[in-house]
Protein backbone atom coordinates (compact mmCIF):
# COMPACT_ATOMS: atom_id res chain seq x y z
CA UNK A 1 -1.42 -6.07 0.67
CA UNK A 2 -1.27 -9.58 -0.71
CA UNK A 3 -3.89 -10.79 1.74
CA UNK A 4 -6.06 -7.67 1.45
CA UNK A 5 -5.48 -5.79 -1.83
CA UNK A 6 -8.07 -3.15 -0.96
CA UNK A 7 -6.36 -2.19 2.34
CA UNK A 8 -6.15 1.54 3.00
CA UNK A 9 -3.29 3.57 4.44
CA UNK A 10 -5.39 4.19 7.56
CA UNK A 11 -5.81 0.43 8.03
CA UNK A 12 -2.06 -0.11 7.55
CA UNK A 13 -1.35 2.56 10.18
CA UNK A 14 -3.62 0.74 12.61
CA UNK A 15 -2.26 -2.74 11.87
CA UNK A 16 1.43 -1.86 11.73
CA UNK A 17 1.54 0.82 14.41
CA UNK A 18 3.49 3.19 12.16
CA UNK A 19 2.78 6.82 11.41
CA UNK A 20 0.82 7.79 8.33
CA UNK A 21 3.88 9.52 6.87
CA UNK A 22 6.00 6.43 7.55
CA UNK A 23 3.53 4.22 5.70
CA UNK A 24 3.37 6.71 2.81
CA UNK A 25 7.18 6.73 2.52
CA UNK A 26 7.33 2.93 2.45
CA UNK A 27 4.57 2.73 -0.17
CA UNK A 28 6.38 5.32 -2.31
CA UNK A 29 9.58 3.27 -2.10
CA UNK A 30 7.78 0.03 -3.01
CA UNK A 31 6.12 1.77 -5.98
CA UNK A 32 9.46 3.23 -7.16
CA UNK A 33 11.07 -0.22 -6.90
CA UNK A 34 8.24 -1.72 -8.95
CA UNK A 35 7.11 -4.05 -6.17
CA UNK A 36 3.55 -2.71 -5.92
CA UNK A 37 1.18 -0.58 -7.95
CA UNK A 38 -2.23 0.88 -7.33
CA UNK A 39 -5.10 0.06 -9.69
CA UNK A 40 -8.14 2.31 -9.59
CA UNK A 41 -9.00 5.20 -7.32
CA UNK A 42 -7.81 5.83 -3.77
CA UNK A 43 -11.18 4.84 -2.32
CA UNK A 44 -12.31 2.11 -4.71
CA UNK A 45 -9.02 0.76 -5.99
CA UNK A 46 -6.73 -2.05 -4.93
CA UNK A 47 -3.04 -2.89 -4.65
CA UNK A 48 -1.24 -5.20 -7.02
CA UNK A 49 1.79 -6.91 -5.49
CA UNK A 50 4.15 -8.02 -8.23
CA UNK A 51 6.15 -11.16 -7.68
CA UNK A 52 9.83 -11.05 -8.56
């Protein structure tokens, strides 16, 4: 997400070899922990990775 902020869940599934639901769970956890947030729409938006 740092290297490609516009990456989609489908692309993450392909790159990481995880299931779609597994990726969604990890993204939800990262959002809840305040590590990432989504700016814009699902199709045209991008990820913001916050540094801690």
